[in-house]
Amino acid sequence: MALKPGGGVALLGVAIVAIVLATAGSAGTTRHTRAPTPVSVWVDSSHTGTPVPPGFLGLSFELSSAAQIAHYGSSGDLAALLRSLGPGVLRFGGASADTRVAWTDAQTPRPAWASSVLTPNDLRGLAWLARATHWHVLLTVGLVHYDPRAAAREVAAAKAALGPWLAGIEVGNEPDSYATHGFRRNPWDEAKYDAEVSGYRSAIAATTPGVQVAGPGVSGSSAFKRWGPAVALAQRPTLLTGHHYPLGCRSAYAPTIPRLLSQYTRGLEIRSLRRYMSLSRSSTIPLRIDETNTVSCGGRAGVSNTFAAALWAAGYIAQTMAAGAAGINFQGAPATCAGYSPVCAPTPARLLDGALQPQPEWYALLLTRGLVGSRPVHTTILPRKRPNIAVTALRGPHGALRFVLVDDDPSGSRAVALSLHVGSGYSGANVLTLTAPSPRAVSGVRLGGRTVASNGSWQQPSSLPQLPIRSGVVVLTLEPSSAALVTVTPGLGRRSARPTRSCPRTACANGKPRRGAEHPRTAPKRG
């Protein structure tokens, strides 16, 4: 990566500062054969959304991995990896929670159907990891094999071991799909699910009152639209949960990088989040996307383990923040590096030792880790027909503006000349870049020019490239297949800059954005 002042080159009267992101076959700089496409972003920070809460970022694992993860509480790199993100949430669930893993203790023998078990020792190991990293645990108890008494013993043991580090429990994983997989007879609906969950909650309350319950943990926003309202009304969970996979492993069209990073896929994700957040707002119950990744069924090699997955993840994290969600958990499988997993072990020996390595997607989590406490702000982006870029703006607690910029166009496309109209009151800006040789790269990812250390830690450079602000505008050039975090800081001696209300005449009517000028990924709900 090379950062170059624009010299005498100017766009709209503002000096250009170029972020040149390394692409395949380059030596750190890219020579443009075509002029960059100009795109302008106006910020209205007088309208802000819900602050990004602590613990927003998280990981999700199959419950069958819980014993292995628990072992990493006292060995391996996972603790350092988690600490590098700040506080978060570890969720254990997946299909194995319902079909392969059973709770066992002195009172609960292992059932014949279970291929693995969860024990009190496993929970104590998770508690050690939670205390060492300040990560909470969201635990799924199986519902397919209906057993309220065993679930009550499991939750009591989890509460005893984890104490305040137990974020809550979910009852069942993707219960909307039970009939499809032959786990329940049709008709199977949210009313029957509610009755079974009520049985679990009664048994749990008798032994461990006050445990927080999350749900319904459905397979996607379409199912949530059907199941969510009934569950929210009948169960009043502490946290609403649902899953999201932009590409399906069994869809008619094969999962590919172009499909993952397409504007069409991003548009579907916008609508999906709107379905989720509509109920969250009307019910006043926070919502967490507690299982997500690129392709369902474990991911797809050549897509899920590439830098393209990092670009997708950076955009989707910012999108969920802008929507007002309470958090997001990226599904992982530490035993395989070929599919989706933010971290994994390349060999069985390294898995046993806990010598995990970060996948490209992990760097997207690092890029967005510092946005906790910031509020999404309204933006207007022109022209309406523009390159495949995503811009999410947030206002920090002390007035700094932060922009998550993602260019999903393929390598070889025209660069984008971004003009960020931030207004007065700001003195400077810096940029943290996310780079890789190409979207298909499975290695060579750099954040701020650095890789994750061998012990799993990552530290942001003490000095980041600076971008000047002139006439209230920051101008930079973003290369295709790249991402960056731009932070614009208030003036010297000012705790916070005055909220900015700017909008071009061609995109505004009476000071408000005209219909269609507003970018749906960055406009928080007003009111």
Protein backbone atom coordinates (compact mmCIF):
# COMPACT_ATOMS: atom_id res chain seq x y z
CA MET A 1 0.00 0.00 0.00
CA ALA A 2 1.25 3.46 -0.85
CA LEU A 3 -0.27 6.77 0.18
CA LYS A 4 0.43 9.63 -2.21
CA PRO A 5 -0.49 13.30 -1.99
CA GLY A 6 -2.18 14.44 -5.13
CA GLY A 7 0.33 17.19 -5.83
CA GLY A 8 -1.22 19.59 -8.32
CA VAL A 9 -4.03 17.23 -9.34
CA ALA A 10 -7.43 18.40 -8.13
CA LEU A 11 -11.04 17.24 -8.22
CA LEU A 12 -13.79 19.81 -7.62
CA GLY A 13 -11.12 22.17 -6.36
CA VAL A 14 -9.95 19.77 -3.63
CA ALA A 15 -6.52 18.12 -3.61
CA ILE A 16 -6.70 14.39 -4.11
CA VAL A 17 -5.15 11.98 -1.67
CA ALA A 18 -4.99 8.49 -3.15
CA ILE A 19 -5.24 5.24 -1.27
CA VAL A 20 -3.46 2.86 -3.61
CA LEU A 21 -4.33 -0.67 -2.58
CA ALA A 22 -2.09 -3.45 -3.84
CA THR A 23 -3.62 -5.72 -6.45
CA ALA A 24 -2.42 -8.88 -8.07
CA GLY A 25 0.86 -8.43 -9.91
CA SER A 26 1.53 -4.93 -8.54
CA ALA A 27 4.47 -3.71 -6.52
CA GLY A 28 2.37 -1.69 -4.07
CA THR A 29 1.07 0.97 -6.44
CA THR A 30 -1.47 0.89 -9.23
CA ARG A 31 -1.20 3.01 -12.36
CA HIS A 32 -4.60 4.15 -13.55
CA THR A 33 -5.22 3.79 -17.26
CA ARG A 34 -8.69 5.30 -16.82
CA ALA A 35 -9.76 8.25 -14.71
CA PRO A 36 -11.40 7.26 -11.41
CA THR A 37 -15.19 7.45 -11.21
CA PRO A 38 -16.23 10.41 -9.02
CA VAL A 39 -18.63 9.66 -6.17
CA SER A 40 -19.72 12.21 -3.56
CA VAL A 41 -20.90 11.47 -0.03
CA TRP A 42 -22.75 14.03 2.09
CA VAL A 43 -23.10 13.50 5.83
CA ASP A 44 -25.97 14.65 8.04
CA SER A 45 -24.68 13.87 11.51
CA SER A 46 -27.54 15.78 13.13
CA HIS A 47 -29.57 12.57 12.65
CA THR A 48 -27.98 9.62 14.41
CA GLY A 49 -29.02 6.03 14.96
CA THR A 50 -28.59 3.60 17.84
CA PRO A 51 -25.05 3.42 19.31
CA VAL A 52 -23.10 0.30 18.44
CA PRO A 53 -23.22 -1.60 21.78
CA PRO A 54 -20.29 -3.24 23.58
CA GLY A 55 -19.87 -6.86 22.57
CA PHE A 56 -21.28 -6.22 19.09
CA LEU A 57 -18.79 -8.51 17.38
CA GLY A 58 -18.89 -12.23 17.97
CA LEU A 59 -18.11 -15.72 16.76
CA SER A 60 -20.41 -18.71 16.47
CA PHE A 61 -19.38 -22.35 16.64
CA GLU A 62 -21.11 -25.69 16.47
CA LEU A 63 -21.88 -26.99 19.94
CA SER A 64 -19.84 -30.05 18.98
CA SER A 65 -16.78 -27.73 19.02
CA ALA A 66 -17.43 -26.51 22.57
CA ALA A 67 -15.12 -29.02 24.28
CA GLN A 68 -12.28 -28.09 21.90
CA ILE A 69 -12.86 -24.36 22.34
CA ALA A 70 -13.02 -24.83 26.12
CA HIS A 71 -9.54 -26.40 25.97
CA TYR A 72 -8.23 -23.18 24.40
CA GLY A 73 -9.04 -21.30 27.60
CA SER A 74 -5.71 -22.45 29.00
CA SER A 75 -3.65 -23.01 25.83
CA GLY A 76 -3.32 -21.89 22.25
CA ASP A 77 -3.88 -18.59 20.44
CA LEU A 78 -7.65 -18.15 20.69
CA ALA A 79 -7.55 -15.99 23.83
CA ALA A 80 -5.14 -13.53 22.20
CA LEU A 81 -7.23 -13.49 19.03
CA LEU A 82 -10.39 -12.69 20.98
CA ARG A 83 -8.71 -10.02 23.09
CA SER A 84 -7.55 -8.26 19.92
CA LEU A 85 -11.21 -7.61 19.06
CA GLY A 86 -12.21 -6.33 22.49
CA PRO A 87 -15.21 -7.75 24.40
CA GLY A 88 -17.55 -9.94 22.35
CA VAL A 89 -19.95 -12.88 22.38
CA LEU A 90 -19.18 -16.56 21.76
CA ARG A 91 -22.27 -18.43 20.59
CA PHE A 92 -22.46 -22.21 20.57
CA GLY A 93 -25.24 -23.80 18.55
CA GLY A 94 -25.66 -25.01 14.99
CA ALA A 95 -27.25 -28.24 13.85
CA SER A 96 -25.08 -30.26 16.24
CA ALA A 97 -26.81 -28.66 19.23
CA ASP A 98 -30.03 -30.39 18.19
CA THR A 99 -28.82 -33.61 16.59
CA ARG A 100 -25.39 -34.72 17.83
CA VAL A 101 -24.51 -33.22 21.21
CA ALA A 102 -26.20 -34.15 24.48
CA TRP A 103 -25.74 -32.86 27.99
CA THR A 104 -24.42 -35.39 30.47
CA ASP A 105 -23.66 -35.28 34.18
CA ALA A 106 -24.09 -37.52 37.22
CA GLN A 107 -27.87 -37.35 36.85
CA THR A 108 -28.05 -37.39 33.06
CA PRO A 109 -26.65 -40.40 31.19
CA ARG A 110 -25.54 -40.07 27.60
CA PRO A 111 -28.46 -40.89 25.25
CA ALA A 112 -28.04 -43.37 22.43
CA TRP A 113 -28.55 -40.78 19.68
CA ALA A 114 -25.66 -38.52 20.81
CA SER A 115 -22.30 -38.79 19.04
CA SER A 116 -20.67 -36.34 21.50
CA VAL A 117 -21.46 -34.76 24.85
CA LEU A 118 -21.17 -31.50 26.75
CA THR A 119 -20.00 -31.84 30.35
CA PRO A 120 -19.58 -29.62 33.43
CA ASN A 121 -15.81 -29.63 32.80
CA ASP A 122 -16.40 -28.19 29.30
CA LEU A 123 -18.45 -25.37 30.80
CA ARG A 124 -15.73 -24.60 33.32
CA GLY A 125 -13.21 -24.40 30.47
CA LEU A 126 -15.47 -21.96 28.61
CA ALA A 127 -15.76 -19.92 31.80
CA TRP A 128 -11.98 -19.70 32.02
CA LEU A 129 -11.83 -18.47 28.42
CA ALA A 130 -14.63 -15.97 29.03
CA ARG A 131 -12.92 -14.47 32.07
CA ALA A 132 -9.56 -14.29 30.27
CA THR A 133 -11.01 -12.46 27.26
CA HIS A 134 -14.12 -10.67 28.60
CA TRP A 135 -16.24 -12.51 26.06
CA HIS A 136 -19.72 -13.68 27.06
CA VAL A 137 -21.23 -17.04 26.07
CA LEU A 138 -24.60 -17.60 24.37
CA LEU A 139 -25.48 -21.29 24.70
CA THR A 140 -27.97 -23.33 22.66
CA VAL A 141 -29.78 -26.22 24.35
CA GLY A 142 -31.15 -28.93 22.06
CA LEU A 143 -34.88 -29.11 21.33
CA VAL A 144 -35.13 -31.80 18.65
CA HIS A 145 -34.84 -34.52 21.32
CA TYR A 146 -37.35 -32.96 23.69
CA ASP A 147 -36.05 -33.22 27.28
CA PRO A 148 -36.85 -30.24 29.53
CA ARG A 149 -35.31 -31.81 32.65
CA ALA A 150 -31.94 -32.43 30.97
CA ALA A 151 -32.02 -28.89 29.57
CA ALA A 152 -32.72 -27.52 33.05
CA ARG A 153 -29.69 -29.36 34.47
CA GLU A 154 -27.53 -28.09 31.60
CA VAL A 155 -28.57 -24.48 32.13
CA ALA A 156 -28.08 -24.75 35.89
CA ALA A 157 -24.55 -26.04 35.33
CA ALA A 158 -23.86 -23.31 32.76
CA LYS A 159 -24.99 -20.62 35.18
CA ALA A 160 -22.92 -22.11 38.01
CA ALA A 161 -19.80 -22.26 35.83
CA LEU A 162 -20.12 -19.08 33.80
CA GLY A 163 -21.94 -16.81 36.22
CA PRO A 164 -22.12 -13.28 34.76
CA TRP A 165 -20.36 -14.47 31.58
CA LEU A 166 -23.48 -16.40 30.51
CA ALA A 167 -25.16 -14.03 28.06
CA GLY A 168 -28.22 -16.27 27.74
CA ILE A 169 -29.57 -19.45 26.24
CA GLU A 170 -31.33 -20.34 23.01
CA VAL A 171 -33.76 -23.24 22.80
CA GLY A 172 -33.18 -25.13 19.57
CA ASN A 173 -31.34 -24.18 16.39
CA GLU A 174 -33.33 -23.01 13.34
CA PRO A 175 -36.58 -24.54 14.63
CA ASP A 176 -38.44 -23.28 11.55
CA SER A 177 -36.65 -26.03 9.58
CA TYR A 178 -37.50 -28.96 11.85
CA ALA A 179 -40.27 -30.34 9.64
CA THR A 180 -38.14 -29.95 6.51
CA HIS A 181 -35.42 -32.10 8.07
CA GLY A 182 -37.86 -34.68 9.44
CA PHE A 183 -37.45 -33.66 13.10
CA ARG A 184 -41.14 -32.80 13.52
CA ARG A 185 -44.29 -33.81 11.70
CA ASN A 186 -46.25 -31.25 9.74
CA PRO A 187 -48.05 -29.11 10.52
CA TRP A 188 -45.18 -27.65 12.54
CA ASP A 189 -45.38 -23.92 13.22
CA GLU A 190 -44.46 -21.18 15.65
CA ALA A 191 -47.40 -22.05 17.96
CA LYS A 192 -46.12 -25.61 18.49
CA TYR A 193 -42.59 -24.30 18.91
CA ASP A 194 -43.87 -21.85 21.52
CA ALA A 195 -45.49 -24.67 23.49
CA GLU A 196 -42.28 -26.71 23.55
CA VAL A 197 -40.14 -23.70 24.50
CA SER A 198 -42.57 -22.89 27.31
CA GLY A 199 -42.03 -26.39 28.67
CA TYR A 200 -38.27 -25.82 28.66
CA ARG A 201 -38.55 -22.41 30.27
CA SER A 202 -40.74 -23.74 33.07
CA ALA A 203 -38.23 -26.48 33.88
CA ILE A 204 -35.30 -24.04 33.71
CA ALA A 205 -37.02 -21.43 35.89
CA ALA A 206 -37.65 -24.07 38.57
CA THR A 207 -33.90 -24.68 38.99
CA THR A 208 -32.23 -21.51 37.70
CA PRO A 209 -34.56 -18.51 37.77
CA GLY A 210 -33.55 -15.31 36.00
CA VAL A 211 -31.56 -16.83 33.12
CA GLN A 212 -31.95 -14.72 30.00
CA VAL A 213 -33.50 -16.38 26.97
CA ALA A 214 -32.76 -15.54 23.32
CA GLY A 215 -34.63 -16.70 20.25
CA PRO A 216 -36.07 -17.89 17.99
CA GLY A 217 -32.74 -18.42 16.12
CA VAL A 218 -34.47 -19.02 12.80
CA SER A 219 -32.77 -19.78 9.48
CA GLY A 220 -33.32 -16.38 7.87
CA SER A 221 -35.34 -13.19 7.79
CA SER A 222 -38.19 -14.68 5.76
CA ALA A 223 -38.77 -17.28 8.49
CA PHE A 224 -38.30 -14.56 11.10
CA LYS A 225 -41.07 -12.53 9.50
CA ARG A 226 -43.43 -15.48 10.10
CA TRP A 227 -42.13 -16.73 13.44
CA GLY A 228 -40.72 -13.61 15.05
CA PRO A 229 -43.90 -11.72 15.98
CA ALA A 230 -45.53 -14.73 17.68
CA VAL A 231 -42.36 -15.61 19.60
CA ALA A 232 -41.76 -12.00 20.63
CA LEU A 233 -45.34 -11.69 21.90
CA ALA A 234 -45.58 -15.07 23.65
CA GLN A 235 -42.04 -15.57 24.96
CA ARG A 236 -40.76 -11.98 25.33
CA PRO A 237 -37.12 -13.10 24.98
CA THR A 238 -34.38 -10.80 26.19
CA LEU A 239 -32.81 -10.97 22.76
CA LEU A 240 -34.25 -11.71 19.33
CA THR A 241 -31.98 -13.86 17.18
CA GLY A 242 -31.84 -15.00 13.57
CA HIS A 243 -29.37 -16.23 10.97
CA HIS A 244 -28.17 -14.95 7.61
CA TYR A 245 -26.30 -16.56 4.71
CA PRO A 246 -26.24 -14.52 1.48
CA LEU A 247 -25.53 -17.62 -0.65
CA GLY A 248 -27.04 -21.06 -0.26
CA CYS A 249 -25.11 -24.28 -0.70
CA ARG A 250 -28.09 -25.88 -2.43
CA SER A 251 -29.26 -22.97 -4.57
CA ALA A 252 -29.76 -23.34 -8.32
CA TYR A 253 -26.78 -21.06 -8.93
CA ALA A 254 -23.35 -22.05 -7.64
CA PRO A 255 -21.81 -19.78 -4.99
CA THR A 256 -19.19 -17.54 -6.59
CA ILE A 257 -17.22 -14.45 -5.65
CA PRO A 258 -19.09 -12.26 -8.19
CA ARG A 259 -22.41 -13.38 -6.71
CA LEU A 260 -21.22 -12.80 -3.13
CA LEU A 261 -20.04 -9.25 -3.89
CA SER A 262 -22.82 -8.27 -6.29
CA GLN A 263 -25.06 -5.27 -5.81
CA TYR A 264 -28.01 -7.64 -6.12
CA THR A 265 -26.84 -9.64 -3.09
CA ARG A 266 -26.26 -6.46 -1.10
CA GLY A 267 -29.77 -5.29 -1.97
CA LEU A 268 -31.24 -8.54 -0.67
CA GLU A 269 -29.26 -8.09 2.54
CA ILE A 270 -30.67 -4.61 3.02
CA ARG A 271 -34.21 -5.96 2.75
CA SER A 272 -33.35 -8.86 5.04
CA LEU A 273 -32.11 -6.55 7.78
CA ARG A 274 -35.20 -4.40 7.41
CA ARG A 275 -37.38 -7.45 8.10
CA TYR A 276 -35.36 -8.27 11.19
CA MET A 277 -35.20 -4.74 12.54
CA SER A 278 -38.87 -3.94 11.93
CA LEU A 279 -39.91 -6.38 14.67
CA SER A 280 -36.99 -5.41 16.90
CA ARG A 281 -38.10 -1.78 16.88
CA SER A 282 -41.82 -2.48 17.27
CA SER A 283 -41.25 -4.95 20.12
CA THR A 284 -38.39 -2.93 21.70
CA ILE A 285 -36.38 -6.17 21.92
CA PRO A 286 -32.76 -5.98 20.67
CA LEU A 287 -31.86 -8.23 17.74
CA ARG A 288 -28.62 -10.12 17.13
CA ILE A 289 -27.66 -11.87 13.90
CA ASP A 290 -26.15 -14.70 15.92
CA GLU A 291 -25.09 -16.90 12.99
CA THR A 292 -23.87 -15.64 9.65
CA ASN A 293 -21.26 -16.23 6.99
CA THR A 294 -20.81 -16.34 3.24
CA VAL A 295 -22.27 -19.68 2.08
CA SER A 296 -24.45 -22.06 4.10
CA CYS A 297 -23.48 -25.69 4.86
CA GLY A 298 -19.96 -24.87 5.95
CA GLY A 299 -18.99 -22.50 3.16
CA ARG A 300 -17.41 -23.01 -0.23
CA ALA A 301 -13.66 -23.30 -0.88
CA GLY A 302 -12.49 -20.55 -3.24
CA VAL A 303 -15.18 -18.21 -1.97
CA SER A 304 -15.55 -18.43 1.81
CA ASN A 305 -11.82 -18.61 2.57
CA THR A 306 -10.75 -15.73 0.30
CA PHE A 307 -10.24 -12.00 0.60
CA ALA A 308 -13.64 -11.60 -1.07
CA ALA A 309 -15.16 -12.97 2.15
CA ALA A 310 -13.36 -10.21 4.08
CA LEU A 311 -14.80 -7.54 1.77
CA TRP A 312 -18.27 -9.01 2.16
CA ALA A 313 -17.89 -9.24 5.94
CA ALA A 314 -16.67 -5.63 6.30
CA GLY A 315 -19.69 -4.39 4.38
CA TYR A 316 -22.18 -6.60 6.22
CA ILE A 317 -20.82 -5.71 9.67
CA ALA A 318 -21.18 -2.01 8.87
CA GLN A 319 -24.63 -2.68 7.43
CA THR A 320 -25.85 -4.35 10.63
CA MET A 321 -24.42 -1.51 12.69
CA ALA A 322 -26.24 1.06 10.56
CA ALA A 323 -29.47 -0.92 10.87
CA GLY A 324 -29.32 -0.74 14.67
CA ALA A 325 -28.74 -4.44 15.42
CA ALA A 326 -27.35 -5.47 18.81
CA GLY A 327 -24.60 -7.63 17.37
CA ILE A 328 -23.39 -10.20 14.89
CA ASN A 329 -21.74 -13.64 15.19
CA PHE A 330 -19.67 -15.13 12.37
CA GLN A 331 -19.98 -18.88 12.11
CA GLY A 332 -16.71 -20.77 12.16
CA ALA A 333 -15.28 -24.27 12.06
CA PRO A 334 -11.82 -24.33 13.63
CA ALA A 335 -11.05 -27.78 12.25
CA THR A 336 -11.20 -26.72 8.59
CA CYS A 337 -9.67 -23.83 6.68
CA ALA A 338 -11.27 -24.58 3.31
CA GLY A 339 -14.78 -23.30 4.11
CA TYR A 340 -16.00 -20.43 6.20
CA SER A 341 -14.20 -19.73 9.44
CA PRO A 342 -12.67 -16.50 10.72
CA VAL A 343 -10.00 -18.60 12.46
CA CYS A 344 -8.90 -22.21 11.91
CA ALA A 345 -6.13 -24.74 12.32
CA PRO A 346 -4.54 -26.05 9.09
CA THR A 347 -3.58 -29.44 10.57
CA PRO A 348 -4.98 -31.80 13.25
CA ALA A 349 -1.83 -31.30 15.32
CA ARG A 350 -2.23 -27.53 15.32
CA LEU A 351 -5.92 -27.90 16.16
CA LEU A 352 -5.00 -29.96 19.19
CA ASP A 353 -2.45 -27.35 20.31
CA GLY A 354 -4.79 -24.44 19.66
CA ALA A 355 -2.41 -22.94 17.09
CA LEU A 356 -5.15 -21.17 15.16
CA GLN A 357 -4.51 -18.88 12.21
CA PRO A 358 -6.69 -15.97 11.10
CA GLN A 359 -8.49 -16.33 7.79
CA PRO A 360 -9.03 -13.28 5.54
CA GLU A 361 -12.45 -12.72 7.11
CA TRP A 362 -10.85 -12.15 10.52
CA TYR A 363 -9.33 -8.91 9.24
CA ALA A 364 -12.81 -7.50 8.60
CA LEU A 365 -13.58 -7.98 12.29
CA LEU A 366 -10.36 -6.17 13.20
CA LEU A 367 -11.21 -3.33 10.80
CA THR A 368 -14.55 -2.64 12.51
CA ARG A 369 -13.65 -3.38 16.13
CA GLY A 370 -13.21 0.29 17.07
CA LEU A 371 -16.74 1.35 16.09
CA VAL A 372 -18.31 0.39 19.44
CA GLY A 373 -20.11 3.39 20.92
CA SER A 374 -20.43 5.18 17.56
CA ARG A 375 -23.82 6.11 16.14
CA PRO A 376 -24.75 5.59 12.48
CA VAL A 377 -25.41 8.85 10.68
CA HIS A 378 -27.45 9.63 7.61
CA THR A 379 -25.60 9.91 4.31
CA THR A 380 -26.52 10.91 0.78
CA ILE A 381 -24.47 9.34 -2.01
CA LEU A 382 -24.40 10.52 -5.61
CA PRO A 383 -24.62 9.64 -8.40
CA ARG A 384 -27.40 7.12 -7.95
CA LYS A 385 -25.87 4.90 -10.64
CA ARG A 386 -22.42 4.35 -9.24
CA PRO A 387 -19.75 1.66 -8.87
CA ASN A 388 -20.35 -1.27 -6.56
CA ILE A 389 -19.25 0.51 -3.40
CA ALA A 390 -20.66 0.69 0.13
CA VAL A 391 -20.19 3.67 2.43
CA THR A 392 -21.30 3.56 6.05
CA ALA A 393 -20.77 6.61 8.27
CA LEU A 394 -20.83 6.69 12.07
CA ARG A 395 -20.30 9.49 14.59
CA GLY A 396 -18.10 8.68 17.59
CA PRO A 397 -18.81 9.64 21.21
CA HIS A 398 -16.52 12.67 20.98
CA GLY A 399 -17.54 13.85 17.53
CA ALA A 400 -15.18 11.94 15.25
CA LEU A 401 -16.71 10.73 11.98
CA ARG A 402 -15.82 7.23 10.83
CA PHE A 403 -16.42 5.91 7.33
CA VAL A 404 -16.35 2.20 6.46
CA LEU A 405 -15.59 2.11 2.73
CA VAL A 406 -15.84 -1.08 0.67
CA ASP A 407 -15.35 -1.34 -3.09
CA ASP A 408 -16.72 -4.70 -4.24
CA ASP A 409 -15.96 -4.23 -7.93
CA PRO A 410 -13.54 -6.80 -9.37
CA SER A 411 -9.87 -6.11 -9.94
CA GLY A 412 -9.32 -4.17 -13.16
CA SER A 413 -12.42 -2.01 -12.71
CA ARG A 414 -12.13 1.75 -12.55
CA ALA A 415 -11.07 3.20 -9.22
CA VAL A 416 -13.45 5.47 -7.32
CA ALA A 417 -12.63 9.08 -6.44
CA LEU A 418 -14.58 9.62 -3.21
CA SER A 419 -15.40 13.10 -1.94
CA LEU A 420 -16.51 12.91 1.69
CA HIS A 421 -18.36 16.13 2.53
CA VAL A 422 -17.96 16.29 6.31
CA GLY A 423 -18.47 20.02 6.84
CA SER A 424 -16.69 22.40 9.19
CA GLY A 425 -15.17 21.70 12.59
CA TYR A 426 -12.78 18.92 11.58
CA SER A 427 -9.02 19.25 11.49
CA GLY A 428 -7.72 16.02 9.95
CA ALA A 429 -8.38 12.46 8.92
CA ASN A 430 -6.51 9.17 8.92
CA VAL A 431 -7.03 5.94 7.06
CA LEU A 432 -6.73 2.27 8.00
CA THR A 433 -6.55 0.15 4.85
CA LEU A 434 -7.58 -3.47 4.27
CA THR A 435 -5.58 -4.95 1.41
CA ALA A 436 -4.76 -8.23 -0.33
CA PRO A 437 -3.21 -9.32 -3.65
CA SER A 438 -6.66 -10.07 -5.15
CA PRO A 439 -10.25 -10.97 -4.18
CA ARG A 440 -9.36 -14.65 -4.60
CA ALA A 441 -6.33 -14.45 -2.32
CA VAL A 442 -6.32 -16.79 0.67
CA SER A 443 -3.21 -15.19 2.16
CA GLY A 444 -1.32 -11.91 2.02
CA VAL A 445 -4.09 -9.91 3.73
CA ARG A 446 -2.89 -6.75 5.47
CA LEU A 447 -4.68 -4.37 7.82
CA GLY A 448 -2.83 -1.11 8.16
CA GLY A 449 0.06 -2.85 6.45
CA ARG A 450 0.27 -5.45 9.21
CA THR A 451 -0.63 -9.09 9.68
CA VAL A 452 -1.81 -10.82 12.82
CA ALA A 453 1.17 -11.86 14.95
CA SER A 454 2.08 -15.50 15.46
CA ASN A 455 0.54 -15.44 18.96
CA GLY A 456 -2.81 -14.24 17.59
CA SER A 457 -2.54 -10.57 18.58
CA TRP A 458 -2.82 -7.53 16.32
CA GLN A 459 -1.97 -3.92 17.10
CA GLN A 460 -2.97 -0.95 15.04
CA PRO A 461 0.02 1.10 13.83
CA SER A 462 0.73 4.02 16.15
CA SER A 463 0.76 6.36 13.17
CA LEU A 464 -1.72 6.04 10.31
CA PRO A 465 -1.56 7.83 6.94
CA GLN A 466 -3.11 11.28 7.23
CA LEU A 467 -5.63 12.83 4.84
CA PRO A 468 -6.03 16.61 4.75
CA ILE A 469 -9.42 18.29 4.93
CA ARG A 470 -10.02 21.30 2.69
CA SER A 471 -13.22 23.28 2.55
CA GLY A 472 -14.90 20.59 4.62
CA VAL A 473 -14.18 17.81 2.13
CA VAL A 474 -11.94 14.74 2.33
CA VAL A 475 -11.02 13.33 -1.09
CA LEU A 476 -9.43 9.94 -1.64
CA THR A 477 -9.19 7.31 -4.34
CA LEU A 478 -10.36 3.80 -3.52
CA GLU A 479 -9.17 0.93 -5.65
CA PRO A 480 -11.53 -1.91 -6.66
CA SER A 481 -11.62 -4.97 -4.37
CA SER A 482 -10.49 -2.98 -1.35
CA ALA A 483 -11.76 -1.60 1.95
CA ALA A 484 -10.76 1.14 4.36
CA LEU A 485 -11.75 2.84 7.59
CA VAL A 486 -11.43 6.63 7.44
CA THR A 487 -11.57 8.54 10.74
CA VAL A 488 -12.19 12.29 10.60
CA THR A 489 -11.28 14.05 13.84
CA PRO A 490 -12.63 17.29 15.38
CA GLY A 491 -10.51 20.41 15.43
CA LEU A 492 -7.75 20.92 17.99
CA GLY A 493 -9.12 21.77 21.41
CA ARG A 494 -12.69 20.92 20.42
CA ARG A 495 -14.25 17.96 22.17
CA SER A 496 -16.71 17.46 19.35
CA ALA A 497 -17.44 19.01 16.01
CA ARG A 498 -20.78 20.63 15.32
CA PRO A 499 -23.26 18.13 13.82
CA THR A 500 -23.13 18.46 10.05
CA ARG A 501 -26.22 18.91 7.88
CA SER A 502 -25.09 18.94 4.30
CA CYS A 503 -26.83 17.87 1.14
CA PRO A 504 -26.39 18.83 -2.54
CA ARG A 505 -29.16 20.86 -4.15
CA THR A 506 -29.67 18.23 -6.84
CA ALA A 507 -30.34 15.58 -4.19
CA CYS A 508 -32.34 17.59 -1.67
CA ALA A 509 -35.75 19.11 -1.34
CA ASN A 510 -36.31 21.49 1.57
CA GLY A 511 -33.08 20.26 3.18
CA LYS A 512 -34.04 16.58 3.01
CA PRO A 513 -32.76 13.95 0.58
CA ARG A 514 -34.88 13.40 -2.50
CA ARG A 515 -36.35 9.96 -2.96
CA GLY A 516 -33.68 7.61 -4.33
CA ALA A 517 -30.69 9.73 -3.38
CA GLU A 518 -30.34 8.11 0.02
CA HIS A 519 -28.13 5.04 0.36
CA PRO A 520 -30.20 2.43 2.28
CA ARG A 521 -27.17 0.85 3.96
CA THR A 522 -26.22 4.01 5.81
CA ALA A 523 -29.47 5.72 6.68
CA PRO A 524 -30.53 5.02 10.29
CA LYS A 525 -34.20 5.02 11.17
CA ARG A 526 -35.33 8.43 12.27
CA GLY A 527 -37.79 9.26 14.97
